[in-house]
Amino acid sequence: MKNPLLTALVFIVIVWFSTSFVVYYYEAAAKDHNIGSIEDAIWWGIVTLLTVGYGDKYPVTTEGRFYAGILMVSGVCGIAIVTAKVSSFFLERALRERRGFVDSNTLKNHFVICGWKEGMLNFLIHLLDSNPNIKDTDLVLVNAAPDNEIDKLHDIPRLKNVRVIRGDHFMEVNLRRCAPERAVKVLILADATPGPNGQKPTITEADARTIMTAMALNTMARGVPLTAEIIDSSMDQYLRLAHVNEIIYSREVSRLLLASATGGVGIANVYHELLSPQHSSFVGTKAIPKQFLGKKYSDLSAHFAANITDQTLIGILENAGNSHAAKDAALKRAQQTPNVAELVKNLQSVKALKFNNPIFNPEKDRVIEEGALAIVIEQRKEADSVAG
């Protein structure tokens, strides 16, 4: 048998009954015997096997004591195997829970983060600070980070329930384990996990991992918003082919911040404060009430000014969210005309659509199309500021 636990259990049962019958055979005919029935023999057998040693039944013959010794040794060996297997099961389970291993069948409405980078623990805490609606139980990481890094992650109380799927995040078999098709969003990081030789990946290697992951997710999680970080901005064309909704140009953003800091006093601080989860004001997007879809931007602006005191409208984000869904919606709108020439024109405009396109301070008469979000500077609630 390949299962050691099952083998040990079968061995224990066979030794128990066979030895009990053999001892009964010798004891039943002995003078002043103590084991006078099969029932007595079986009872004596299980007590001896488990080394309980009640002493109410015992063999008096030489043969009976010989087989009793065999039964005791067999019991110690068999029970030791059973105990070891049961202990290892619970130990393995505890280790799996400790390191966040998860059953993919239980995943739903979760946030997937592919890859690992320096400062990952601080990044995850900032993510939770910036998104109060996301809890650590919602986060599922897919990466090949060392075990000690995962242990450090779970040592932090706010991250102790983060679940981890171990393995290269750009491999399809590992991506399937995180059930990306049932996630609310997937974020691909510019991975900095060292290879087998201990060397960190180059910029090209890190971007290649991002592109491979995006290509795989494009077919696996077509309706899920996908965000990817890329270091070399010239590689973004491949992410667009994979229908990535948002591309984060990490190196270019750093360069732009530095350049902005030289051109105006305090500009870098403005950007930092608007993005920091610890500051009272931050930039975000909000859903636009349905009654303003198809209306002018001035109508929405007046609504915010008159009714919403903790948010300042600064623009709109057109064709927001998942690019597949936005494109499908645009195609449906484009086809709602019997005029062939107009239909061709509409289809060409769909092809030229820019997804997640921010328009700051648009013209007052600009029409708000379906799929747009409001870009606002929001005042963080006092409770949120304290929690951050």
Protein backbone atom coordinates (compact mmCIF):
# COMPACT_ATOMS: atom_id res chain seq x y z
CA MET A 1 0.00 0.00 0.00
CA LYS A 2 1.26 3.49 -0.86
CA ASN A 3 -0.49 5.17 2.06
CA PRO A 4 1.62 4.68 5.24
CA LEU A 5 -1.25 5.64 7.55
CA LEU A 6 -3.64 3.12 6.01
CA THR A 7 -0.91 0.46 6.02
CA ALA A 8 -0.23 1.07 9.72
CA LEU A 9 -3.92 0.87 10.62
CA VAL A 10 -4.40 -2.38 8.69
CA PHE A 11 -1.26 -3.79 10.32
CA ILE A 12 -2.52 -2.87 13.81
CA VAL A 13 -5.92 -4.49 13.25
CA ILE A 14 -4.41 -7.70 11.82
CA VAL A 15 -1.88 -8.02 14.66
CA TRP A 16 -4.56 -7.27 17.25
CA PHE A 17 -7.01 -9.95 16.16
CA SER A 18 -4.50 -12.61 15.12
CA THR A 19 -2.52 -12.32 18.35
CA SER A 20 -5.69 -12.32 20.44
CA PHE A 21 -6.86 -15.58 18.83
CA VAL A 22 -3.41 -17.22 19.18
CA VAL A 23 -3.14 -16.26 22.85
CA TYR A 24 -6.68 -17.48 23.51
CA TYR A 25 -5.72 -20.84 21.91
CA TYR A 26 -2.87 -21.31 24.38
CA GLU A 27 -4.56 -19.74 27.42
CA ALA A 28 -7.92 -21.49 27.25
CA ALA A 29 -6.39 -24.89 28.04
CA ALA A 30 -3.97 -23.65 30.70
CA LYS A 31 -4.45 -24.22 34.41
CA ASP A 32 -5.54 -21.08 36.30
CA HIS A 33 -5.98 -19.27 32.98
CA ASN A 34 -7.01 -15.62 33.06
CA ILE A 35 -8.30 -15.34 29.49
CA GLY A 36 -11.22 -17.71 29.16
CA SER A 37 -13.16 -16.45 26.11
CA ILE A 38 -12.68 -14.82 22.74
CA GLU A 39 -14.18 -11.64 24.16
CA ASP A 40 -11.58 -11.66 26.98
CA ALA A 41 -8.80 -12.24 24.43
CA ILE A 42 -9.88 -9.36 22.19
CA TRP A 43 -10.19 -7.03 25.18
CA TRP A 44 -6.77 -8.07 26.45
CA GLY A 45 -5.38 -7.62 22.92
CA ILE A 46 -6.47 -4.00 22.47
CA VAL A 47 -5.36 -3.04 26.01
CA THR A 48 -1.94 -4.60 25.44
CA LEU A 49 -1.59 -3.21 21.91
CA LEU A 50 -2.22 0.34 23.11
CA THR A 51 0.07 -0.29 26.13
CA VAL A 52 -2.69 0.80 28.52
CA GLY A 53 -2.00 -2.16 30.79
CA TYR A 54 -5.13 -2.47 32.97
CA GLY A 55 -3.91 -5.83 34.30
CA ASP A 56 -7.41 -7.34 34.61
CA LYS A 57 -6.54 -9.90 31.90
CA TYR A 58 -3.09 -11.37 31.26
CA PRO A 59 -1.53 -14.55 29.83
CA VAL A 60 -0.08 -17.17 32.15
CA THR A 61 1.51 -19.53 29.61
CA THR A 62 4.98 -19.13 28.11
CA GLU A 63 3.55 -19.11 24.59
CA GLY A 64 0.93 -16.54 25.57
CA ARG A 65 3.54 -14.22 27.09
CA PHE A 66 5.75 -14.59 24.00
CA TYR A 67 2.97 -13.47 21.68
CA ALA A 68 2.02 -10.74 24.15
CA GLY A 69 5.55 -9.36 23.79
CA ILE A 70 5.23 -9.39 20.00
CA LEU A 71 1.90 -7.58 20.32
CA MET A 72 3.43 -4.89 22.57
CA VAL A 73 6.33 -4.22 20.18
CA SER A 74 3.97 -4.18 17.19
CA GLY A 75 1.67 -1.78 19.02
CA VAL A 76 4.47 0.66 19.81
CA CYS A 77 5.64 0.65 16.17
CA GLY A 78 2.15 0.86 14.64
CA ILE A 79 0.86 3.57 16.97
CA ALA A 80 4.06 5.57 16.45
CA ILE A 81 3.45 5.59 12.68
CA VAL A 82 -0.21 6.59 13.11
CA THR A 83 0.71 9.36 15.57
CA ALA A 84 3.44 10.67 13.27
CA LYS A 85 1.13 10.79 10.24
CA VAL A 86 -1.67 12.52 12.15
CA SER A 87 0.79 15.03 13.65
CA SER A 88 2.36 15.74 10.25
CA PHE A 89 -1.09 16.33 8.76
CA PHE A 90 -1.95 18.99 11.32
CA LEU A 91 1.56 20.47 11.18
CA GLU A 92 1.41 20.74 7.38
CA ARG A 93 -2.04 22.29 7.63
CA ALA A 94 -0.78 24.85 10.16
CA LEU A 95 2.19 25.70 7.91
CA ARG A 96 -0.06 26.08 4.87
CA GLU A 97 -2.35 28.44 6.79
CA ARG A 98 0.67 30.29 8.12
CA ARG A 99 2.00 30.92 4.62
CA GLY A 100 -1.44 31.70 3.19
CA PHE A 101 -1.95 28.68 0.99
CA VAL A 102 -5.49 28.65 -0.29
CA ASP A 103 -8.07 26.52 -2.02
CA SER A 104 -8.87 28.30 -5.29
CA ASN A 105 -12.45 27.03 -5.16
CA THR A 106 -13.11 29.36 -2.21
CA LEU A 107 -11.89 32.50 -3.99
CA LYS A 108 -14.44 35.09 -5.08
CA ASN A 109 -14.44 38.91 -5.38
CA HIS A 110 -10.79 39.00 -4.35
CA PHE A 111 -7.88 41.27 -5.35
CA VAL A 112 -5.02 39.47 -7.09
CA ILE A 113 -1.46 40.83 -6.99
CA CYS A 114 1.03 39.09 -9.27
CA GLY A 115 4.76 39.39 -8.58
CA TRP A 116 6.95 40.58 -5.73
CA LYS A 117 9.07 43.69 -5.32
CA GLU A 118 11.23 45.46 -2.77
CA GLY A 119 9.20 47.16 -0.06
CA MET A 120 6.29 44.79 -0.71
CA LEU A 121 5.09 44.82 2.90
CA ASN A 122 4.87 48.63 3.00
CA PHE A 123 3.19 48.60 -0.40
CA LEU A 124 0.46 46.24 0.86
CA ILE A 125 -0.15 48.36 3.94
CA HIS A 126 -0.43 51.50 1.76
CA LEU A 127 -2.83 49.61 -0.49
CA LEU A 128 -5.09 48.85 2.48
CA ASP A 129 -4.80 52.46 3.70
CA SER A 130 -5.76 53.83 0.29
CA ASN A 131 -8.68 51.42 -0.16
CA PRO A 132 -10.69 51.11 3.07
CA ASN A 133 -13.11 48.76 1.31
CA ILE A 134 -10.31 46.18 0.77
CA LYS A 135 -9.40 43.90 3.69
CA ASP A 136 -6.38 41.64 4.10
CA THR A 137 -8.66 38.63 3.57
CA ASP A 138 -9.41 39.97 0.06
CA LEU A 139 -5.77 39.97 -1.04
CA VAL A 140 -4.34 36.99 -2.94
CA LEU A 141 -0.67 37.13 -3.91
CA VAL A 142 0.92 35.03 -6.64
CA ASN A 143 4.71 35.01 -6.46
CA ALA A 144 7.88 32.98 -5.93
CA ALA A 145 9.22 35.03 -3.02
CA PRO A 146 11.35 33.19 -0.42
CA ASP A 147 9.55 31.58 2.52
CA ASN A 148 11.13 33.98 5.00
CA GLU A 149 9.58 36.94 3.15
CA ILE A 150 6.14 35.35 3.34
CA ASP A 151 6.68 34.68 7.05
CA LYS A 152 7.59 38.34 7.60
CA LEU A 153 4.41 39.34 5.78
CA HIS A 154 2.19 37.25 8.06
CA ASP A 155 4.00 38.52 11.16
CA ILE A 156 2.38 41.91 10.51
CA PRO A 157 -1.09 41.92 12.16
CA ARG A 158 -2.73 43.85 9.32
CA LEU A 159 -1.43 41.34 6.75
CA LYS A 160 -1.78 38.07 8.66
CA ASN A 161 -4.79 36.94 6.59
CA VAL A 162 -3.27 37.68 3.17
CA ARG A 163 -3.33 34.51 1.07
CA VAL A 164 -0.38 33.44 -1.04
CA ILE A 165 -0.12 31.13 -4.03
CA ARG A 166 3.50 30.07 -4.43
CA GLY A 167 5.11 29.82 -7.86
CA ASP A 168 6.11 31.97 -10.82
CA HIS A 169 3.22 34.35 -11.48
CA PHE A 170 3.80 34.32 -15.24
CA MET A 171 3.06 30.57 -15.46
CA GLU A 172 -0.52 29.83 -16.48
CA VAL A 173 -0.83 26.88 -14.09
CA ASN A 174 -0.14 29.18 -11.12
CA LEU A 175 -2.41 31.94 -12.39
CA ARG A 176 -5.34 29.52 -12.64
CA ARG A 177 -4.91 28.69 -8.96
CA CYS A 178 -5.80 32.28 -8.01
CA ALA A 179 -9.13 32.13 -9.92
CA PRO A 180 -8.55 35.45 -11.77
CA GLU A 181 -11.85 35.14 -13.61
CA ARG A 182 -13.67 35.64 -10.27
CA ALA A 183 -11.47 38.51 -9.03
CA VAL A 184 -12.55 42.13 -8.83
CA LYS A 185 -9.16 43.33 -10.07
CA VAL A 186 -5.71 42.00 -10.98
CA LEU A 187 -2.49 43.97 -10.48
CA ILE A 188 0.77 42.84 -12.11
CA LEU A 189 3.91 44.23 -10.49
CA ALA A 190 7.32 44.69 -12.11
CA ASP A 191 8.67 41.55 -10.47
CA ALA A 192 11.98 41.71 -8.61
CA THR A 193 12.12 38.12 -7.37
CA PRO A 194 15.69 36.76 -7.66
CA GLY A 195 16.24 33.76 -9.93
CA PRO A 196 17.76 30.39 -8.92
CA ASN A 197 21.23 31.97 -9.13
CA GLY A 198 20.27 34.70 -6.67
CA GLN A 199 20.43 37.42 -9.34
CA LYS A 200 17.61 39.95 -9.55
CA PRO A 201 15.91 40.18 -12.96
CA THR A 202 16.98 42.89 -15.36
CA ILE A 203 14.53 45.56 -16.52
CA THR A 204 13.93 43.60 -19.72
CA GLU A 205 13.33 40.37 -17.79
CA ALA A 206 10.96 42.07 -15.34
CA ASP A 207 8.94 43.63 -18.16
CA ALA A 208 8.89 40.31 -20.05
CA ARG A 209 7.38 38.64 -16.98
CA THR A 210 4.73 41.37 -16.82
CA ILE A 211 3.86 40.96 -20.50
CA MET A 212 3.69 37.15 -20.27
CA THR A 213 1.36 37.43 -17.27
CA ALA A 214 -0.86 39.97 -19.03
CA MET A 215 -1.09 37.80 -22.15
CA ALA A 216 -2.15 34.79 -20.09
CA LEU A 217 -4.72 36.77 -18.09
CA ASN A 218 -6.18 38.28 -21.26
CA THR A 219 -7.68 34.89 -22.11
CA MET A 220 -8.28 33.63 -18.57
CA ALA A 221 -9.97 36.71 -17.05
CA ARG A 222 -11.38 38.66 -19.97
CA GLY A 223 -13.95 40.62 -17.96
CA VAL A 224 -11.72 41.54 -15.01
CA PRO A 225 -9.99 44.98 -14.79
CA LEU A 226 -6.26 44.49 -15.29
CA THR A 227 -3.51 46.89 -14.18
CA ALA A 228 0.17 46.32 -14.96
CA GLU A 229 3.39 48.03 -13.93
CA ILE A 230 6.10 48.36 -16.56
CA ILE A 231 9.57 49.84 -16.26
CA ASP A 232 10.49 50.44 -19.91
CA SER A 233 7.68 52.51 -21.43
CA SER A 234 8.59 51.37 -24.96
CA MET A 235 7.21 47.91 -24.06
CA ASP A 236 3.70 49.19 -23.37
CA GLN A 237 2.50 48.26 -26.88
CA TYR A 238 2.51 44.60 -25.85
CA LEU A 239 0.41 45.35 -22.79
CA ARG A 240 -2.09 47.19 -24.96
CA LEU A 241 -2.31 44.13 -27.19
CA ALA A 242 -3.15 42.17 -24.04
CA HIS A 243 -5.95 44.68 -23.31
CA VAL A 244 -4.42 45.90 -20.05
CA ASN A 245 -6.78 48.56 -18.68
CA GLU A 246 -4.22 50.63 -16.80
CA ILE A 247 -0.47 50.77 -17.41
CA ILE A 248 1.76 52.14 -14.67
CA TYR A 249 5.04 53.54 -15.99
CA SER A 250 6.99 53.39 -12.73
CA ARG A 251 10.34 54.69 -14.02
CA GLU A 252 8.74 57.36 -16.17
CA VAL A 253 6.53 58.56 -13.31
CA SER A 254 9.62 58.99 -11.12
CA ARG A 255 11.33 60.91 -13.92
CA LEU A 256 8.30 63.17 -14.39
CA LEU A 257 8.10 63.91 -10.68
CA LEU A 258 11.75 64.90 -10.60
CA ALA A 259 11.32 67.09 -13.67
CA SER A 260 8.20 68.74 -12.21
CA ALA A 261 10.03 69.46 -8.98
CA THR A 262 12.57 71.56 -10.91
CA GLY A 263 9.90 73.58 -12.70
CA GLY A 264 7.70 74.72 -9.85
CA VAL A 265 8.00 75.19 -6.12
CA GLY A 266 6.25 72.45 -4.15
CA ILE A 267 4.83 70.55 -7.14
CA ALA A 268 6.31 67.24 -5.98
CA ASN A 269 4.72 67.76 -2.56
CA VAL A 270 1.35 68.40 -4.21
CA TYR A 271 1.52 65.08 -6.04
CA HIS A 272 2.67 63.26 -2.91
CA GLU A 273 -0.08 64.65 -0.71
CA LEU A 274 -2.81 63.89 -3.24
CA LEU A 275 -1.69 60.26 -3.47
CA SER A 276 -0.78 59.68 0.18
CA PRO A 277 -3.36 57.70 2.19
CA GLN A 278 -2.31 59.61 5.33
CA HIS A 279 -3.32 63.04 3.98
CA SER A 280 -6.79 64.51 4.47
CA SER A 281 -7.28 65.12 0.73
CA PHE A 282 -6.66 62.62 -2.05
CA VAL A 283 -7.48 62.07 -5.70
CA GLY A 284 -10.01 59.38 -6.60
CA THR A 285 -12.78 58.43 -9.00
CA LYS A 286 -16.46 58.16 -8.25
CA ALA A 287 -19.44 56.74 -10.12
CA ILE A 288 -21.52 59.32 -11.97
CA PRO A 289 -25.27 59.25 -11.20
CA LYS A 290 -27.18 57.76 -14.12
CA GLN A 291 -29.29 60.87 -14.60
CA PHE A 292 -26.17 62.77 -15.74
CA LEU A 293 -25.12 60.28 -18.43
CA GLY A 294 -25.74 61.92 -21.80
CA LYS A 295 -25.89 65.33 -20.11
CA LYS A 296 -23.34 68.17 -20.18
CA TYR A 297 -20.36 68.39 -17.87
CA SER A 298 -21.71 71.70 -16.52
CA ASP A 299 -24.77 69.86 -15.15
CA LEU A 300 -22.58 67.39 -13.27
CA SER A 301 -20.34 70.20 -12.00
CA ALA A 302 -23.35 72.09 -10.66
CA HIS A 303 -24.60 68.93 -8.95
CA PHE A 304 -21.28 68.46 -7.13
CA ALA A 305 -21.08 72.12 -6.11
CA ALA A 306 -24.62 72.13 -4.70
CA ASN A 307 -24.89 68.69 -3.10
CA ILE A 308 -21.49 67.17 -2.37
CA THR A 309 -19.39 69.08 0.14
CA ASP A 310 -16.55 66.59 0.73
CA GLN A 311 -15.63 66.14 -2.96
CA THR A 312 -14.36 68.62 -5.55
CA LEU A 313 -14.96 67.66 -9.18
CA ILE A 314 -11.87 68.23 -11.36
CA GLY A 315 -12.69 66.16 -14.47
CA ILE A 316 -14.00 62.93 -15.89
CA LEU A 317 -12.41 59.58 -16.73
CA GLU A 318 -13.81 58.40 -20.06
CA ASN A 319 -14.22 54.73 -21.03
CA ALA A 320 -13.29 53.68 -17.51
CA GLY A 321 -12.91 50.18 -16.15
CA ASN A 322 -12.48 47.05 -18.20
CA SER A 323 -11.52 47.77 -21.81
CA HIS A 324 -13.41 44.74 -23.12
CA ALA A 325 -16.65 45.87 -21.49
CA ALA A 326 -16.15 49.49 -22.57
CA LYS A 327 -15.48 48.43 -26.15
CA ASP A 328 -18.53 46.16 -26.25
CA ALA A 329 -20.73 48.98 -24.94
CA ALA A 330 -19.29 51.41 -27.51
CA LEU A 331 -19.91 48.91 -30.32
CA LYS A 332 -23.55 48.54 -29.30
CA ARG A 333 -23.99 52.33 -29.33
CA ALA A 334 -22.22 52.60 -32.70
CA GLN A 335 -24.50 50.05 -34.33
CA GLN A 336 -27.69 51.87 -33.37
CA THR A 337 -28.06 53.56 -36.75
CA PRO A 338 -29.57 52.39 -40.07
CA ASN A 339 -27.24 54.67 -42.03
CA VAL A 340 -24.30 52.67 -43.43
CA ALA A 341 -22.01 55.68 -43.78
CA GLU A 342 -22.72 56.75 -40.21
CA LEU A 343 -22.23 53.17 -39.01
CA VAL A 344 -18.76 53.00 -40.63
CA LYS A 345 -17.86 56.35 -39.05
CA ASN A 346 -19.07 55.14 -35.64
CA LEU A 347 -17.07 51.91 -35.91
CA GLN A 348 -13.93 53.86 -36.77
CA SER A 349 -14.44 56.04 -33.71
CA VAL A 350 -14.76 52.90 -31.56
CA LYS A 351 -11.44 51.65 -32.90
CA ALA A 352 -9.81 54.95 -31.90
CA LEU A 353 -11.20 54.91 -28.37
CA LYS A 354 -8.81 55.66 -25.53
CA PHE A 355 -9.65 53.65 -22.44
CA ASN A 356 -9.38 55.12 -18.95
CA ASN A 357 -8.83 58.50 -20.57
CA PRO A 358 -8.67 61.37 -18.04
CA ILE A 359 -10.09 64.75 -19.10
CA PHE A 360 -9.32 67.51 -16.58
CA ASN A 361 -11.52 70.59 -16.43
CA PRO A 362 -13.35 69.73 -19.68
CA GLU A 363 -15.49 72.17 -21.63
CA LYS A 364 -18.82 72.89 -19.96
CA ASP A 365 -20.80 71.55 -22.89
CA ARG A 366 -18.84 68.27 -23.15
CA VAL A 367 -21.28 65.36 -23.12
CA ILE A 368 -20.75 62.69 -20.47
CA GLU A 369 -20.84 59.31 -22.18
CA GLU A 370 -21.75 56.00 -20.62
CA GLY A 371 -18.83 54.32 -18.84
CA ALA A 372 -17.35 57.58 -17.54
CA LEU A 373 -16.31 58.23 -13.94
CA ALA A 374 -15.95 61.50 -12.06
CA ILE A 375 -12.41 62.52 -11.07
CA VAL A 376 -12.54 64.19 -7.67
CA ILE A 377 -10.39 65.50 -4.87
CA GLU A 378 -12.00 63.91 -1.86
CA GLN A 379 -11.76 64.86 1.78
CA ARG A 380 -10.89 61.80 3.82
CA LYS A 381 -13.17 61.20 6.77
CA GLU A 382 -11.63 61.79 10.18
CA ALA A 383 -12.06 58.12 11.15
CA ASP A 384 -10.23 57.06 7.99
CA SER A 385 -7.38 59.46 8.69
CA VAL A 386 -6.97 58.12 12.19
CA ALA A 387 -7.07 54.54 10.94
CA GLY A 388 -4.41 55.31 8.32
